[in-house]
Amino acid sequence: MLVIKLSCKSGNTFSCVAIVDSGADNCVFPASFAGALGLDLLQMKSNLTGGVGSTANVTHFDTIEIDFGAGPFEVYAGFTAGMDLHGIGLLGQAGFFDRFDVMFSHKTGQFHINLPDPAP
């Protein structure tokens, strides 16, 4: 798990906890997080997604920024009511694993994120 900060174009920010989840296709957050960011779910593009306890979750997508202390980066992220009961986000393949190399150690129960080298 990571403590992260979400932000959107309006300048609103929201801090939360997210699981680094190699099984998640996308970065996905509870629908309530969209409200905290000032995003309007009805104005966002939506798709039906699977996982998170159901095969037909309506998931609304928009571009946001995520920061876990390595500098903010843009992500096309989903927001779904299917995550509201969990109260945490998922950092998935598109948006997180396609940017960072992550190493999991089952033996120690830890993970390590390799950050890109800073630009000269």
N, C-alpha and C. Protein backbone atom coordinates (compact mmCIF):
# COMPACT_ATOMS: atom_id res chain seq x y z
N MET A 1 0.84 -1.18 0.00
CA MET A 1 0.00 0.00 0.00
C MET A 1 0.88 1.24 0.00
N LEU A 2 0.37 2.28 -0.64
CA LEU A 2 1.04 3.57 -0.68
C LEU A 2 0.07 4.66 -0.27
N VAL A 3 0.56 5.67 0.40
CA VAL A 3 -0.22 6.89 0.63
C VAL A 3 0.06 7.77 -0.59
N ILE A 4 -1.00 8.20 -1.25
CA ILE A 4 -0.85 8.99 -2.46
C ILE A 4 -1.70 10.25 -2.37
N LYS A 5 -1.39 11.19 -3.26
CA LYS A 5 -2.20 12.40 -3.39
C LYS A 5 -2.74 12.43 -4.81
N LEU A 6 -4.05 12.59 -4.93
CA LEU A 6 -4.70 12.74 -6.22
C LEU A 6 -4.99 14.22 -6.43
N SER A 7 -4.88 14.68 -7.66
CA SER A 7 -5.28 16.04 -7.97
C SER A 7 -5.85 16.08 -9.37
N CYS A 8 -6.63 17.13 -9.64
CA CYS A 8 -7.25 17.26 -10.96
C CYS A 8 -7.05 18.68 -11.48
N LYS A 9 -7.51 18.90 -12.70
CA LYS A 9 -7.30 20.18 -13.38
C LYS A 9 -7.83 21.37 -12.60
N SER A 10 -8.88 21.17 -11.82
CA SER A 10 -9.46 22.27 -11.05
C SER A 10 -8.56 22.71 -9.90
N GLY A 11 -7.56 21.90 -9.58
CA GLY A 11 -6.67 22.22 -8.47
C GLY A 11 -7.04 21.52 -7.18
N ASN A 12 -8.19 20.83 -7.16
CA ASN A 12 -8.58 20.10 -5.96
C ASN A 12 -7.65 18.90 -5.75
N THR A 13 -7.35 18.61 -4.49
CA THR A 13 -6.50 17.47 -4.15
C THR A 13 -7.20 16.60 -3.11
N PHE A 14 -6.75 15.34 -3.06
CA PHE A 14 -7.33 14.39 -2.12
C PHE A 14 -6.27 13.35 -1.79
N SER A 15 -5.97 13.15 -0.52
CA SER A 15 -5.01 12.13 -0.11
C SER A 15 -5.74 10.85 0.26
N CYS A 16 -5.13 9.72 -0.12
CA CYS A 16 -5.76 8.43 0.14
C CYS A 16 -4.69 7.34 0.17
N VAL A 17 -5.15 6.12 0.37
CA VAL A 17 -4.30 4.94 0.33
C VAL A 17 -4.66 4.16 -0.91
N ALA A 18 -3.64 3.59 -1.57
CA ALA A 18 -3.86 2.78 -2.76
C ALA A 18 -3.00 1.52 -2.68
N ILE A 19 -3.53 0.44 -3.20
CA ILE A 19 -2.81 -0.82 -3.29
C ILE A 19 -2.10 -0.88 -4.63
N VAL A 20 -0.84 -1.25 -4.62
CA VAL A 20 -0.08 -1.51 -5.84
C VAL A 20 -0.53 -2.90 -6.29
N ASP A 21 -1.36 -2.94 -7.35
CA ASP A 21 -2.07 -4.17 -7.73
C ASP A 21 -1.73 -4.58 -9.16
N SER A 22 -0.84 -5.54 -9.30
CA SER A 22 -0.43 -5.99 -10.64
C SER A 22 -1.57 -6.67 -11.39
N GLY A 23 -2.62 -7.05 -10.70
CA GLY A 23 -3.77 -7.69 -11.35
C GLY A 23 -4.82 -6.71 -11.85
N ALA A 24 -4.66 -5.43 -11.52
CA ALA A 24 -5.61 -4.41 -11.97
C ALA A 24 -5.18 -3.89 -13.33
N ASP A 25 -6.12 -3.82 -14.27
CA ASP A 25 -5.81 -3.31 -15.61
C ASP A 25 -5.51 -1.82 -15.58
N ASN A 26 -6.23 -1.09 -14.76
CA ASN A 26 -6.14 0.38 -14.71
C ASN A 26 -5.97 0.85 -13.28
N CYS A 27 -5.66 2.11 -13.12
CA CYS A 27 -5.73 2.75 -11.81
C CYS A 27 -7.20 3.09 -11.58
N VAL A 28 -7.74 2.60 -10.48
CA VAL A 28 -9.17 2.75 -10.20
C VAL A 28 -9.36 3.17 -8.75
N PHE A 29 -10.33 4.06 -8.55
CA PHE A 29 -10.59 4.61 -7.23
C PHE A 29 -12.10 4.60 -6.94
N PRO A 30 -12.46 4.68 -5.66
CA PRO A 30 -13.88 4.78 -5.33
C PRO A 30 -14.53 6.01 -5.98
N ALA A 31 -15.78 5.88 -6.36
CA ALA A 31 -16.51 7.00 -6.96
C ALA A 31 -16.54 8.21 -6.03
N SER A 32 -16.57 7.96 -4.73
CA SER A 32 -16.60 9.06 -3.77
C SER A 32 -15.34 9.92 -3.86
N PHE A 33 -14.21 9.35 -4.31
CA PHE A 33 -12.99 10.13 -4.47
C PHE A 33 -13.15 11.17 -5.58
N ALA A 34 -13.91 10.82 -6.62
CA ALA A 34 -14.16 11.77 -7.71
C ALA A 34 -14.89 12.99 -7.16
N GLY A 35 -15.87 12.76 -6.30
CA GLY A 35 -16.59 13.87 -5.68
C GLY A 35 -15.68 14.74 -4.84
N ALA A 36 -14.76 14.10 -4.09
CA ALA A 36 -13.81 14.86 -3.27
C ALA A 36 -12.88 15.71 -4.13
N LEU A 37 -12.63 15.26 -5.35
CA LEU A 37 -11.79 16.03 -6.27
C LEU A 37 -12.58 17.08 -7.04
N GLY A 38 -13.91 17.07 -6.89
CA GLY A 38 -14.75 18.02 -7.61
C GLY A 38 -15.07 17.58 -9.03
N LEU A 39 -14.86 16.29 -9.33
CA LEU A 39 -15.18 15.77 -10.66
C LEU A 39 -16.64 15.35 -10.71
N ASP A 40 -17.28 15.56 -11.83
CA ASP A 40 -18.68 15.18 -12.03
C ASP A 40 -18.73 13.88 -12.81
N LEU A 41 -19.12 12.80 -12.16
CA LEU A 41 -19.17 11.49 -12.81
C LEU A 41 -20.03 11.50 -14.07
N LEU A 42 -21.09 12.30 -14.06
CA LEU A 42 -22.01 12.33 -15.21
C LEU A 42 -21.38 12.99 -16.43
N GLN A 43 -20.31 13.74 -16.24
CA GLN A 43 -19.62 14.40 -17.35
C GLN A 43 -18.42 13.59 -17.86
N MET A 44 -18.15 12.46 -17.22
CA MET A 44 -16.98 11.66 -17.55
C MET A 44 -17.35 10.52 -18.49
N LYS A 45 -16.40 10.07 -19.31
CA LYS A 45 -16.62 8.89 -20.14
C LYS A 45 -16.74 7.68 -19.22
N SER A 46 -17.57 6.70 -19.61
CA SER A 46 -17.74 5.53 -18.76
C SER A 46 -17.69 4.25 -19.57
N ASN A 47 -17.32 3.18 -18.89
CA ASN A 47 -17.27 1.83 -19.43
C ASN A 47 -17.73 0.85 -18.36
N LEU A 48 -18.16 -0.33 -18.78
CA LEU A 48 -18.40 -1.41 -17.84
C LEU A 48 -17.08 -2.15 -17.65
N THR A 49 -16.70 -2.35 -16.40
CA THR A 49 -15.46 -3.05 -16.10
C THR A 49 -15.75 -4.24 -15.19
N GLY A 50 -14.85 -5.19 -15.18
CA GLY A 50 -14.97 -6.35 -14.30
C GLY A 50 -14.04 -6.22 -13.12
N GLY A 51 -14.19 -7.14 -12.19
CA GLY A 51 -13.37 -7.11 -10.98
C GLY A 51 -14.05 -6.33 -9.89
N VAL A 52 -13.35 -6.12 -8.80
CA VAL A 52 -13.87 -5.37 -7.65
C VAL A 52 -15.25 -5.90 -7.25
N GLY A 53 -15.38 -7.23 -7.22
CA GLY A 53 -16.60 -7.84 -6.72
C GLY A 53 -17.72 -8.00 -7.72
N SER A 54 -17.55 -7.59 -8.97
CA SER A 54 -18.62 -7.69 -9.95
C SER A 54 -18.04 -7.74 -11.36
N THR A 55 -18.86 -8.19 -12.29
CA THR A 55 -18.43 -8.22 -13.69
C THR A 55 -19.01 -7.05 -14.48
N ALA A 56 -19.81 -6.22 -13.85
CA ALA A 56 -20.43 -5.10 -14.57
C ALA A 56 -20.42 -3.83 -13.74
N ASN A 57 -19.22 -3.36 -13.41
CA ASN A 57 -19.10 -2.10 -12.68
C ASN A 57 -19.10 -0.94 -13.68
N VAL A 58 -19.95 0.03 -13.47
CA VAL A 58 -19.89 1.25 -14.28
C VAL A 58 -18.71 2.05 -13.73
N THR A 59 -17.73 2.28 -14.60
CA THR A 59 -16.52 2.98 -14.20
C THR A 59 -16.38 4.23 -15.06
N HIS A 60 -16.21 5.36 -14.39
CA HIS A 60 -16.11 6.66 -15.05
C HIS A 60 -14.63 7.05 -15.10
N PHE A 61 -14.16 7.54 -16.26
CA PHE A 61 -12.74 7.82 -16.45
C PHE A 61 -12.47 9.30 -16.71
N ASP A 62 -11.34 9.77 -16.16
CA ASP A 62 -10.85 11.11 -16.43
C ASP A 62 -9.35 11.14 -16.17
N THR A 63 -8.69 12.17 -16.66
CA THR A 63 -7.26 12.33 -16.43
C THR A 63 -7.05 13.07 -15.12
N ILE A 64 -6.25 12.48 -14.25
CA ILE A 64 -5.91 13.08 -12.96
C ILE A 64 -4.39 12.98 -12.79
N GLU A 65 -3.88 13.58 -11.72
CA GLU A 65 -2.48 13.41 -11.36
C GLU A 65 -2.40 12.61 -10.08
N ILE A 66 -1.38 11.76 -10.01
CA ILE A 66 -1.09 10.97 -8.82
C ILE A 66 0.32 11.32 -8.37
N ASP A 67 0.50 11.44 -7.06
CA ASP A 67 1.84 11.68 -6.52
C ASP A 67 2.02 10.81 -5.28
N PHE A 68 3.07 9.99 -5.26
CA PHE A 68 3.38 9.20 -4.07
C PHE A 68 4.74 9.60 -3.50
N GLY A 69 5.18 10.81 -3.84
CA GLY A 69 6.43 11.34 -3.32
C GLY A 69 7.55 11.36 -4.34
N ALA A 70 7.29 10.85 -5.54
CA ALA A 70 8.30 10.83 -6.59
C ALA A 70 8.02 11.89 -7.65
N GLY A 71 7.10 12.78 -7.38
CA GLY A 71 6.68 13.78 -8.35
C GLY A 71 5.39 13.36 -9.01
N PRO A 72 4.52 14.30 -9.32
CA PRO A 72 3.21 13.96 -9.89
C PRO A 72 3.33 13.45 -11.33
N PHE A 73 2.41 12.56 -11.70
CA PHE A 73 2.32 12.07 -13.06
C PHE A 73 0.86 11.91 -13.43
N GLU A 74 0.55 12.17 -14.72
CA GLU A 74 -0.84 12.08 -15.19
C GLU A 74 -1.25 10.64 -15.45
N VAL A 75 -2.49 10.36 -15.12
CA VAL A 75 -3.06 9.02 -15.30
C VAL A 75 -4.50 9.16 -15.77
N TYR A 76 -4.89 8.35 -16.74
CA TYR A 76 -6.29 8.23 -17.13
C TYR A 76 -6.88 7.18 -16.20
N ALA A 77 -7.57 7.63 -15.15
CA ALA A 77 -8.00 6.76 -14.06
C ALA A 77 -9.51 6.58 -14.03
N GLY A 78 -9.93 5.48 -13.44
CA GLY A 78 -11.33 5.17 -13.31
C GLY A 78 -11.84 5.42 -11.90
N PHE A 79 -13.14 5.70 -11.82
CA PHE A 79 -13.82 5.90 -10.54
C PHE A 79 -15.10 5.08 -10.59
N THR A 80 -15.29 4.20 -9.60
CA THR A 80 -16.46 3.33 -9.62
C THR A 80 -17.04 3.15 -8.22
N ALA A 81 -18.36 3.09 -8.15
CA ALA A 81 -19.04 2.86 -6.88
C ALA A 81 -18.69 1.48 -6.32
N GLY A 82 -18.24 0.56 -7.18
CA GLY A 82 -17.82 -0.76 -6.72
C GLY A 82 -16.65 -0.72 -5.76
N MET A 83 -15.91 0.38 -5.74
CA MET A 83 -14.77 0.54 -4.84
C MET A 83 -15.13 1.31 -3.58
N ASP A 84 -16.32 1.90 -3.52
CA ASP A 84 -16.67 2.74 -2.37
C ASP A 84 -16.63 1.99 -1.04
N LEU A 85 -17.05 0.74 -1.02
CA LEU A 85 -17.02 -0.03 0.23
C LEU A 85 -15.60 -0.29 0.71
N HIS A 86 -14.65 -0.32 -0.21
CA HIS A 86 -13.27 -0.61 0.16
C HIS A 86 -12.54 0.64 0.65
N GLY A 87 -12.87 1.81 0.10
CA GLY A 87 -12.29 3.06 0.55
C GLY A 87 -10.82 3.26 0.20
N ILE A 88 -10.31 2.45 -0.73
CA ILE A 88 -8.92 2.58 -1.17
C ILE A 88 -8.86 2.49 -2.68
N GLY A 89 -7.77 2.95 -3.25
CA GLY A 89 -7.59 2.88 -4.69
C GLY A 89 -6.73 1.70 -5.09
N LEU A 90 -6.68 1.45 -6.39
CA LEU A 90 -5.82 0.43 -6.97
C LEU A 90 -4.91 1.09 -8.00
N LEU A 91 -3.64 0.83 -7.91
CA LEU A 91 -2.67 1.32 -8.90
C LEU A 91 -2.36 0.14 -9.81
N GLY A 92 -2.85 0.20 -11.05
CA GLY A 92 -2.79 -0.95 -11.94
C GLY A 92 -1.82 -0.80 -13.10
N GLN A 93 -1.99 -1.72 -14.07
CA GLN A 93 -1.08 -1.82 -15.21
C GLN A 93 -0.99 -0.52 -16.00
N ALA A 94 -2.14 -0.04 -16.52
CA ALA A 94 -2.15 1.21 -17.28
C ALA A 94 -2.11 2.37 -16.30
N GLY A 95 -1.06 3.14 -16.34
CA GLY A 95 -0.96 4.30 -15.48
C GLY A 95 0.08 4.17 -14.38
N PHE A 96 0.35 2.93 -13.93
CA PHE A 96 1.35 2.76 -12.87
C PHE A 96 2.46 1.80 -13.30
N PHE A 97 2.11 0.55 -13.57
CA PHE A 97 3.12 -0.44 -13.94
C PHE A 97 3.75 -0.14 -15.30
N ASP A 98 3.04 0.61 -16.15
CA ASP A 98 3.65 0.98 -17.43
C ASP A 98 4.63 2.15 -17.27
N ARG A 99 4.71 2.73 -16.06
CA ARG A 99 5.63 3.83 -15.79
C ARG A 99 6.78 3.44 -14.87
N PHE A 100 6.52 2.51 -13.96
CA PHE A 100 7.49 2.15 -12.93
C PHE A 100 7.75 0.65 -12.93
N ASP A 101 9.00 0.30 -12.68
CA ASP A 101 9.34 -1.11 -12.46
C ASP A 101 9.10 -1.39 -10.99
N VAL A 102 8.33 -2.43 -10.72
CA VAL A 102 7.98 -2.79 -9.35
C VAL A 102 8.44 -4.22 -9.09
N MET A 103 9.11 -4.43 -7.96
CA MET A 103 9.56 -5.76 -7.58
C MET A 103 8.86 -6.16 -6.28
N PHE A 104 8.20 -7.31 -6.31
CA PHE A 104 7.52 -7.85 -5.14
C PHE A 104 8.36 -8.98 -4.54
N SER A 105 8.45 -9.04 -3.23
CA SER A 105 9.10 -10.16 -2.55
C SER A 105 8.05 -10.85 -1.69
N HIS A 106 7.61 -12.00 -2.16
CA HIS A 106 6.64 -12.78 -1.38
C HIS A 106 7.26 -13.19 -0.04
N LYS A 107 8.53 -13.50 -0.07
CA LYS A 107 9.25 -13.96 1.12
C LYS A 107 9.21 -12.93 2.25
N THR A 108 9.43 -11.65 1.91
CA THR A 108 9.47 -10.60 2.94
C THR A 108 8.16 -9.83 3.07
N GLY A 109 7.25 -10.00 2.09
CA GLY A 109 6.00 -9.25 2.12
C GLY A 109 6.19 -7.78 1.79
N GLN A 110 7.26 -7.46 1.04
CA GLN A 110 7.55 -6.08 0.70
C GLN A 110 7.61 -5.92 -0.81
N PHE A 111 7.57 -4.66 -1.24
CA PHE A 111 7.77 -4.36 -2.65
C PHE A 111 8.67 -3.15 -2.77
N HIS A 112 9.28 -3.02 -3.94
CA HIS A 112 10.18 -1.91 -4.20
C HIS A 112 9.82 -1.30 -5.55
N ILE A 113 9.75 0.03 -5.61
CA ILE A 113 9.47 0.74 -6.85
C ILE A 113 10.76 1.38 -7.33
N ASN A 114 11.19 1.00 -8.52
CA ASN A 114 12.37 1.63 -9.13
C ASN A 114 11.93 2.91 -9.81
N LEU A 115 12.43 4.02 -9.33
CA LEU A 115 12.08 5.31 -9.89
C LEU A 115 12.98 5.61 -11.08
N PRO A 116 12.43 6.28 -12.11
CA PRO A 116 13.29 6.64 -13.24
C PRO A 116 14.37 7.61 -12.81
N ASP A 117 15.52 7.55 -13.50
CA ASP A 117 16.60 8.49 -13.20
C ASP A 117 16.12 9.91 -13.53
N PRO A 118 16.45 10.86 -12.66
CA PRO A 118 16.06 12.26 -12.95
C PRO A 118 16.76 12.75 -14.21
N ALA A 119 16.09 13.64 -14.91
CA ALA A 119 16.66 14.22 -16.12
C ALA A 119 17.88 15.07 -15.73
N PRO A 120 18.93 15.08 -16.58
CA PRO A 120 20.14 15.86 -16.24
C PRO A 120 19.87 17.35 -16.25
